[in-house]
C-alpha atoms as a PDB file:
ATOM      1  CA  MET A   1      64.412  52.436 175.367  1.00  0.00           C
ATOM      2  CA  THR A   2      60.632  52.694 175.202  1.00  0.00           C
ATOM      3  CA  ARG A   3      58.827  50.475 177.676  1.00  0.00           C
ATOM      4  CA  VAL A   4      55.736  48.786 176.241  1.00  0.00           C
ATOM      5  CA  LEU A   5      53.160  46.706 178.076  1.00  0.00           C
ATOM      6  CA  LEU A   6      51.154  44.316 175.921  1.00  0.00           C
ATOM      7  CA  THR A   7      48.090  42.547 177.275  1.00  0.00           C
ATOM      8  CA  GLY A   8      46.009  39.689 175.933  1.00  0.00           C
ATOM      9  CA  PHE A   9      43.063  37.743 177.296  1.00  0.00           C
ATOM     10  CA  ALA A  10      42.607  34.253 178.638  1.00  0.00           C
ATOM     11  CA  PRO A  11      40.237  32.014 176.627  1.00  0.00           C
ATOM     12  CA  PHE A  12      36.494  32.644 177.019  1.00  0.00           C
ATOM     13  CA  ASP A  13      33.106  31.473 175.730  1.00  0.00           C
ATOM     14  CA  GLY A  14      34.151  27.841 175.550  1.00  0.00           C
ATOM     15  CA  GLU A  15      37.335  28.397 173.513  1.00  0.00           C
ATOM     16  CA  SER A  16      40.503  26.524 174.473  1.00  0.00           C
ATOM     17  CA  THR A  17      42.820  29.306 173.331  1.00  0.00           C
ATOM     18  CA  ASN A  18      42.868  33.054 172.788  1.00  0.00           C
ATOM     19  CA  PRO A  19      45.018  34.379 169.934  1.00  0.00           C
ATOM     20  CA  SER A  20      45.388  37.757 171.622  1.00  0.00           C
ATOM     21  CA  TRP A  21      47.387  36.226 174.470  1.00  0.00           C
ATOM     22  CA  GLN A  22      49.307  33.882 172.170  1.00  0.00           C
ATOM     23  CA  ALA A  23      50.416  36.812 170.027  1.00  0.00           C
ATOM     24  CA  VAL A  24      51.205  39.129 172.923  1.00  0.00           C
ATOM     25  CA  ARG A  25      53.329  36.486 174.613  1.00  0.00           C
ATOM     26  CA  ALA A  26      55.234  35.846 171.371  1.00  0.00           C
ATOM     27  CA  ALA A  27      55.823  39.566 170.802  1.00  0.00           C
ATOM     28  CA  ALA A  28      57.268  39.963 174.287  1.00  0.00           C
ATOM     29  CA  ALA A  29      59.553  36.962 173.771  1.00  0.00           C
ATOM     30  CA  GLU A  30      61.121  38.555 170.679  1.00  0.00           C
ATOM     31  CA  PRO A  31      60.515  42.309 170.984  1.00  0.00           C
ATOM     32  CA  PRO A  32      61.284  44.798 168.218  1.00  0.00           C
ATOM     33  CA  ALA A  33      64.585  46.637 168.475  1.00  0.00           C
ATOM     34  CA  GLY A  34      64.461  49.648 170.773  1.00  0.00           C
ATOM     35  CA  LEU A  35      61.504  48.407 172.794  1.00  0.00           C
ATOM     36  CA  ALA A  36      61.428  46.762 176.202  1.00  0.00           C
ATOM     37  CA  VAL A  37      58.243  44.707 176.049  1.00  0.00           C
ATOM     38  CA  SER A  38      56.336  43.100 178.900  1.00  0.00           C
ATOM     39  CA  ALA A  39      53.257  40.909 178.544  1.00  0.00           C
ATOM     40  CA  VAL A  40      50.423  40.063 180.897  1.00  0.00           C
ATOM     41  CA  GLU A  41      47.388  37.835 180.473  1.00  0.00           C
ATOM     42  CA  LEU A  42      44.118  39.402 181.632  1.00  0.00           C
ATOM     43  CA  PRO A  43      41.155  37.353 182.839  1.00  0.00           C
ATOM     44  CA  CYS A  44      38.038  37.722 180.711  1.00  0.00           C
ATOM     45  CA  VAL A  45      36.207  39.024 183.760  1.00  0.00           C
ATOM     46  CA  TYR A  46      34.571  42.371 184.405  1.00  0.00           C
ATOM     47  CA  GLY A  47      36.342  44.298 187.161  1.00  0.00           C
ATOM     48  CA  ALA A  48      39.157  41.804 187.721  1.00  0.00           C
ATOM     49  CA  SER A  49      40.600  42.484 184.262  1.00  0.00           C
ATOM     50  CA  ILE A  50      41.094  46.164 185.056  1.00  0.00           C
ATOM     51  CA  ALA A  51      42.609  45.292 188.441  1.00  0.00           C
ATOM     52  CA  VAL A  52      45.176  43.000 186.807  1.00  0.00           C
ATOM     53  CA  LEU A  53      45.927  45.659 184.185  1.00  0.00           C
ATOM     54  CA  ARG A  54      46.458  48.309 186.854  1.00  0.00           C
ATOM     55  CA  ALA A  55      48.815  46.035 188.800  1.00  0.00           C
ATOM     56  CA  ALA A  56      50.814  45.309 185.640  1.00  0.00           C
ATOM     57  CA  ILE A  57      51.133  49.018 184.887  1.00  0.00           C
ATOM     58  CA  GLU A  58      52.310  49.704 188.425  1.00  0.00           C
ATOM     59  CA  GLU A  59      54.875  46.917 188.172  1.00  0.00           C
ATOM     60  CA  THR A  60      56.287  47.610 184.707  1.00  0.00           C
ATOM     61  CA  ARG A  61      55.919  51.418 184.516  1.00  0.00           C
ATOM     62  CA  PRO A  62      55.361  51.430 180.744  1.00  0.00           C
ATOM     63  CA  ASP A  63      55.417  54.385 178.386  1.00  0.00           C
ATOM     64  CA  ILE A  64      52.827  52.701 176.139  1.00  0.00           C
ATOM     65  CA  VAL A  65      50.125  50.100 176.760  1.00  0.00           C
ATOM     66  CA  VAL A  66      48.618  48.092 173.898  1.00  0.00           C
ATOM     67  CA  CYS A  67      45.782  45.834 174.989  1.00  0.00           C
ATOM     68  CA  ALA A  68      44.632  43.128 172.595  1.00  0.00           C
ATOM     69  CA  GLY A  69      41.561  40.951 172.472  1.00  0.00           C
ATOM     70  CA  GLN A  70      39.858  38.393 170.263  1.00  0.00           C
ATOM     71  CA  ALA A  71      37.054  39.583 167.996  1.00  0.00           C
ATOM     72  CA  GLY A  72      35.749  36.415 166.405  1.00  0.00           C
ATOM     73  CA  GLY A  73      34.225  37.127 163.002  1.00  0.00           C
ATOM     74  CA  ARG A  74      36.390  40.124 162.155  1.00  0.00           C
ATOM     75  CA  PRO A  75      38.670  39.442 159.188  1.00  0.00           C
ATOM     76  CA  ASP A  76      41.522  41.805 160.011  1.00  0.00           C
ATOM     77  CA  ILE A  77      43.533  43.555 162.702  1.00  0.00           C
ATOM     78  CA  THR A  78      41.306  46.349 163.958  1.00  0.00           C
ATOM     79  CA  VAL A  79      42.814  49.231 165.910  1.00  0.00           C
ATOM     80  CA  GLU A  80      40.144  50.642 168.175  1.00  0.00           C
ATOM     81  CA  ARG A  81      39.484  54.357 168.233  1.00  0.00           C
ATOM     82  CA  LEU A  82      36.816  54.764 170.914  1.00  0.00           C
ATOM     83  CA  ALA A  83      36.052  53.236 174.335  1.00  0.00           C
ATOM     84  CA  ILE A  84      32.566  53.778 175.776  1.00  0.00           C
ATOM     85  CA  ASN A  85      31.462  53.831 179.406  1.00  0.00           C
ATOM     86  CA  LEU A  86      29.120  50.859 179.131  1.00  0.00           C
ATOM     87  CA  ASP A  87      29.032  47.205 180.120  1.00  0.00           C
ATOM     88  CA  ASP A  88      26.262  45.333 178.282  1.00  0.00           C
ATOM     89  CA  ALA A  89      27.007  41.614 178.097  1.00  0.00           C
ATOM     90  CA  ARG A  90      25.532  39.344 175.443  1.00  0.00           C
ATOM     91  CA  ILE A  91      27.265  36.377 177.063  1.00  0.00           C
ATOM     92  CA  PRO A  92      28.571  35.841 180.618  1.00  0.00           C
ATOM     93  CA  ASP A  93      32.186  36.614 181.361  1.00  0.00           C
ATOM     94  CA  ALA A  94      34.515  33.870 182.613  1.00  0.00           C
ATOM     95  CA  ALA A  95      33.232  34.357 186.159  1.00  0.00           C
ATOM     96  CA  GLY A  96      29.575  34.168 185.119  1.00  0.00           C
ATOM     97  CA  ALA A  97      28.861  37.900 185.388  1.00  0.00           C
ATOM     98  CA  GLU A  98      26.490  39.340 182.786  1.00  0.00           C
ATOM     99  CA  PRO A  99      26.016  43.075 183.445  1.00  0.00           C
ATOM    100  CA  ILE A 100      23.382  44.888 181.437  1.00  0.00           C
ATOM    101  CA  ASP A 101      23.439  48.631 180.771  1.00  0.00           C
ATOM    102  CA  GLU A 102      25.887  49.398 183.589  1.00  0.00           C
ATOM    103  CA  PRO A 103      28.568  52.113 183.529  1.00  0.00           C
ATOM    104  CA  ILE A 104      32.162  51.018 183.828  1.00  0.00           C
ATOM    105  CA  VAL A 105      32.965  54.126 185.854  1.00  0.00           C
ATOM    106  CA  PRO A 106      29.848  55.692 187.404  1.00  0.00           C
ATOM    107  CA  GLY A 107      29.886  59.396 186.570  1.00  0.00           C
ATOM    108  CA  GLY A 108      32.767  58.956 184.130  1.00  0.00           C
ATOM    109  CA  PRO A 109      32.810  60.462 180.644  1.00  0.00           C
ATOM    110  CA  ALA A 110      30.622  58.767 178.056  1.00  0.00           C
ATOM    111  CA  ALA A 111      33.680  57.858 175.992  1.00  0.00           C
ATOM    112  CA  TYR A 112      37.428  58.231 175.537  1.00  0.00           C
ATOM    113  CA  PHE A 113      39.486  58.317 172.359  1.00  0.00           C
ATOM    114  CA  SER A 114      42.556  56.122 172.121  1.00  0.00           C
ATOM    115  CA  THR A 115      45.807  57.934 172.839  1.00  0.00           C
ATOM    116  CA  LEU A 116      47.630  55.817 170.254  1.00  0.00           C
ATOM    117  CA  PRO A 117      48.122  57.040 166.658  1.00  0.00           C
ATOM    118  CA  VAL A 118      45.320  54.796 165.417  1.00  0.00           C
ATOM    119  CA  LYS A 119      45.513  55.501 161.680  1.00  0.00           C
ATOM    120  CA  ALA A 120      49.307  55.426 161.608  1.00  0.00           C
ATOM    121  CA  CYS A 121      49.178  52.031 163.313  1.00  0.00           C
ATOM    122  CA  VAL A 122      46.734  50.736 160.695  1.00  0.00           C
ATOM    123  CA  ALA A 123      48.968  52.052 157.906  1.00  0.00           C
ATOM    124  CA  ALA A 124      52.017  50.344 159.429  1.00  0.00           C
ATOM    125  CA  VAL A 125      50.268  46.974 159.663  1.00  0.00           C
ATOM    126  CA  ARG A 126      49.105  47.270 156.062  1.00  0.00           C
ATOM    127  CA  ALA A 127      52.621  48.223 154.948  1.00  0.00           C
ATOM    128  CA  ALA A 128      53.796  44.974 156.545  1.00  0.00           C
ATOM    129  CA  GLY A 129      51.448  43.115 154.216  1.00  0.00           C
ATOM    130  CA  LEU A 130      48.740  42.348 156.754  1.00  0.00           C
ATOM    131  CA  PRO A 131      45.036  43.333 156.711  1.00  0.00           C
ATOM    132  CA  ALA A 132      44.079  46.112 159.104  1.00  0.00           C
ATOM    133  CA  SER A 133      41.475  48.813 159.592  1.00  0.00           C
ATOM    134  CA  VAL A 134      40.255  51.424 162.039  1.00  0.00           C
ATOM    135  CA  SER A 135      37.408  50.271 164.278  1.00  0.00           C
ATOM    136  CA  HIS A 136      34.985  52.665 165.928  1.00  0.00           C
ATOM    137  CA  THR A 137      33.477  50.164 168.340  1.00  0.00           C
ATOM    138  CA  ALA A 138      35.184  47.793 170.742  1.00  0.00           C
ATOM    139  CA  GLY A 139      31.822  46.287 171.636  1.00  0.00           C
ATOM    140  CA  THR A 140      30.397  46.266 175.166  1.00  0.00           C
ATOM    141  CA  PHE A 141      32.036  43.128 176.525  1.00  0.00           C
ATOM    142  CA  VAL A 142      35.260  42.800 178.549  1.00  0.00           C
ATOM    143  CA  CYS A 143      37.477  44.158 175.734  1.00  0.00           C
ATOM    144  CA  ASN A 144      35.752  47.530 175.817  1.00  0.00           C
ATOM    145  CA  HIS A 145      35.669  47.310 179.613  1.00  0.00           C
ATOM    146  CA  VAL A 146      39.473  47.072 179.705  1.00  0.00           C
ATOM    147  CA  PHE A 147      39.925  49.716 177.003  1.00  0.00           C
ATOM    148  CA  TYR A 148      37.753  52.188 178.915  1.00  0.00           C
ATOM    149  CA  GLY A 149      39.436  51.296 182.208  1.00  0.00           C
ATOM    150  CA  LEU A 150      42.851  51.967 180.672  1.00  0.00           C
ATOM    151  CA  ALA A 151      41.711  55.231 179.117  1.00  0.00           C
ATOM    152  CA  HIS A 152      40.158  56.403 182.380  1.00  0.00           C
ATOM    153  CA  LEU A 153      43.354  55.567 184.274  1.00  0.00           C
ATOM    154  CA  ILE A 154      45.381  57.575 181.752  1.00  0.00           C
ATOM    155  CA  ALA A 155      42.977  60.532 181.907  1.00  0.00           C
ATOM    156  CA  THR A 156      42.714  60.678 185.684  1.00  0.00           C
ATOM    157  CA  GLU A 157      45.955  59.329 187.116  1.00  0.00           C
ATOM    158  CA  LEU A 158      48.683  58.758 184.504  1.00  0.00           C
ATOM    159  CA  PRO A 159      48.498  61.516 181.878  1.00  0.00           C
ATOM    160  CA  GLY A 160      52.001  60.719 180.602  1.00  0.00           C
ATOM    161  CA  LEU A 161      50.998  57.207 179.643  1.00  0.00           C
ATOM    162  CA  ARG A 162      49.656  56.408 176.165  1.00  0.00           C
ATOM    163  CA  GLY A 163      47.533  53.427 175.345  1.00  0.00           C
ATOM    164  CA  GLY A 164      44.802  51.804 173.346  1.00  0.00           C
ATOM    165  CA  PHE A 165      43.199  48.579 172.210  1.00  0.00           C
ATOM    166  CA  VAL A 166      43.541  46.236 169.238  1.00  0.00           C
ATOM    167  CA  HIS A 167      41.126  43.487 168.225  1.00  0.00           C
ATOM    168  CA  VAL A 168      42.436  40.397 166.433  1.00  0.00           C
ATOM    169  CA  PRO A 169      40.654  37.650 164.466  1.00  0.00           C
ATOM    170  CA  TYR A 170      40.314  34.000 165.382  1.00  0.00           C
ATOM    171  CA  ALA A 171      43.360  31.767 164.973  1.00  0.00           C
ATOM    172  CA  PRO A 172      42.985  29.129 162.208  1.00  0.00           C
ATOM    173  CA  GLU A 173      42.696  26.261 164.689  1.00  0.00           C
ATOM    174  CA  GLN A 174      39.594  27.889 166.166  1.00  0.00           C
ATOM    175  CA  VAL A 175      37.624  27.809 162.922  1.00  0.00           C
ATOM    176  CA  VAL A 176      38.289  24.381 161.411  1.00  0.00           C
ATOM    177  CA  ASP A 177      34.599  23.503 161.838  1.00  0.00           C
ATOM    178  CA  ARG A 178      33.002  26.857 160.993  1.00  0.00           C
ATOM    179  CA  ALA A 179      33.132  29.381 158.188  1.00  0.00           C
ATOM    180  CA  GLN A 180      34.824  32.277 159.972  1.00  0.00           C
ATOM    181  CA  PRO A 181      37.811  34.421 158.987  1.00  0.00           C
ATOM    182  CA  SER A 182      41.110  33.857 160.755  1.00  0.00           C
ATOM    183  CA  LEU A 183      44.745  34.926 160.846  1.00  0.00           C
ATOM    184  CA  PRO A 184      47.777  32.911 161.970  1.00  0.00           C
ATOM    185  CA  VAL A 185      49.097  33.910 165.378  1.00  0.00           C
ATOM    186  CA  THR A 186      52.459  34.648 163.764  1.00  0.00           C
ATOM    187  CA  ALA A 187      50.769  37.290 161.598  1.00  0.00           C
ATOM    188  CA  VAL A 188      48.975  38.794 164.581  1.00  0.00           C
ATOM    189  CA  THR A 189      52.284  38.914 166.457  1.00  0.00           C
ATOM    190  CA  ARG A 190      53.892  40.825 163.574  1.00  0.00           C
ATOM    191  CA  ALA A 191      50.970  43.237 163.522  1.00  0.00           C
ATOM    192  CA  LEU A 192      51.211  43.939 167.247  1.00  0.00           C
ATOM    193  CA  CYS A 193      54.938  44.561 166.916  1.00  0.00           C
ATOM    194  CA  GLU A 194      54.306  47.027 164.080  1.00  0.00           C
ATOM    195  CA  ILE A 195      51.707  48.793 166.217  1.00  0.00           C
ATOM    196  CA  ALA A 196      54.036  48.992 169.211  1.00  0.00           C
ATOM    197  CA  VAL A 197      56.890  50.407 167.117  1.00  0.00           C
ATOM    198  CA  THR A 198      54.598  52.913 165.423  1.00  0.00           C
ATOM    199  CA  ALA A 199      53.160  54.059 168.733  1.00  0.00           C
ATOM    200  CA  ALA A 200      56.660  54.486 170.139  1.00  0.00           C
ATOM    201  CA  HIS A 201      57.774  56.700 167.251  1.00  0.00           C
ATOM    202  CA  THR A 202      54.573  58.567 166.364  1.00  0.00           C
ATOM    203  CA  ARG A 203      53.005  61.262 168.505  1.00  0.00           C
ATOM    204  CA  THR A 204      50.772  62.879 165.895  1.00  0.00           C
ATOM    205  CA  ASP A 205      48.462  60.632 163.900  1.00  0.00           C
ATOM    206  CA  ILE A 206      48.324  60.751 160.129  1.00  0.00           C
ATOM    207  CA  ARG A 207      45.344  62.152 158.240  1.00  0.00           C
ATOM    208  CA  ALA A 208      43.841  59.318 156.219  1.00  0.00           C
ATOM    209  CA  ALA A 209      40.352  58.075 155.548  1.00  0.00           C
ATOM    210  CA  GLY A 210      39.287  55.577 158.178  1.00  0.00           C
ATOM    211  CA  GLY A 211      35.614  56.256 158.693  1.00  0.00           C
ATOM    212  CA  THR A 212      32.626  54.067 157.982  1.00  0.00           C
ATOM    213  CA  THR A 213      29.131  54.675 156.621  1.00  0.00           C
ATOM    214  CA  HIS A 214      27.406  52.475 159.185  1.00  0.00           C
END
């Protein structure tokens, strides 16, 4: 039985909900066969989010960690490839912090690649009939902060662990008054389950085009 930890975020920036946590919680309630899935909600707060993630890893001892976060404006499930060592906030986090041009880990590497099979995960979500793509930037807000924190923990303390980050679109109820793409939480839940299963059964990523021109 493969142990999987899924994380989502609490609402931020004035939203009343966060589809990443809704989907993660649903996936843990009805996990795919062969997986033991735990879920934890992370605060959308620099520093504290990594602390909560670390505590959850210590408690659940997962084989795989899939962190998820809301990326309002993106139309599909985007599996992140790269975490960068930079906090540069356009908006304050939920605690009011707004770091500018600060390293997440002083002296740490400039970036880490995901240790999930990113392209295989994208292919699996698409095969399930859902839109997905590879993303080469997780931004510089708390999502990237958590992604880098997870990657640094794997690289320096838990080399047997594998993990990465997935961005999800708005839920439909968040965009009733604005022209923004969205996906139902049920679809996001299915996508996260496909990603978890793929990660559990795939060690070597597939070779498929996933780059961008800008």
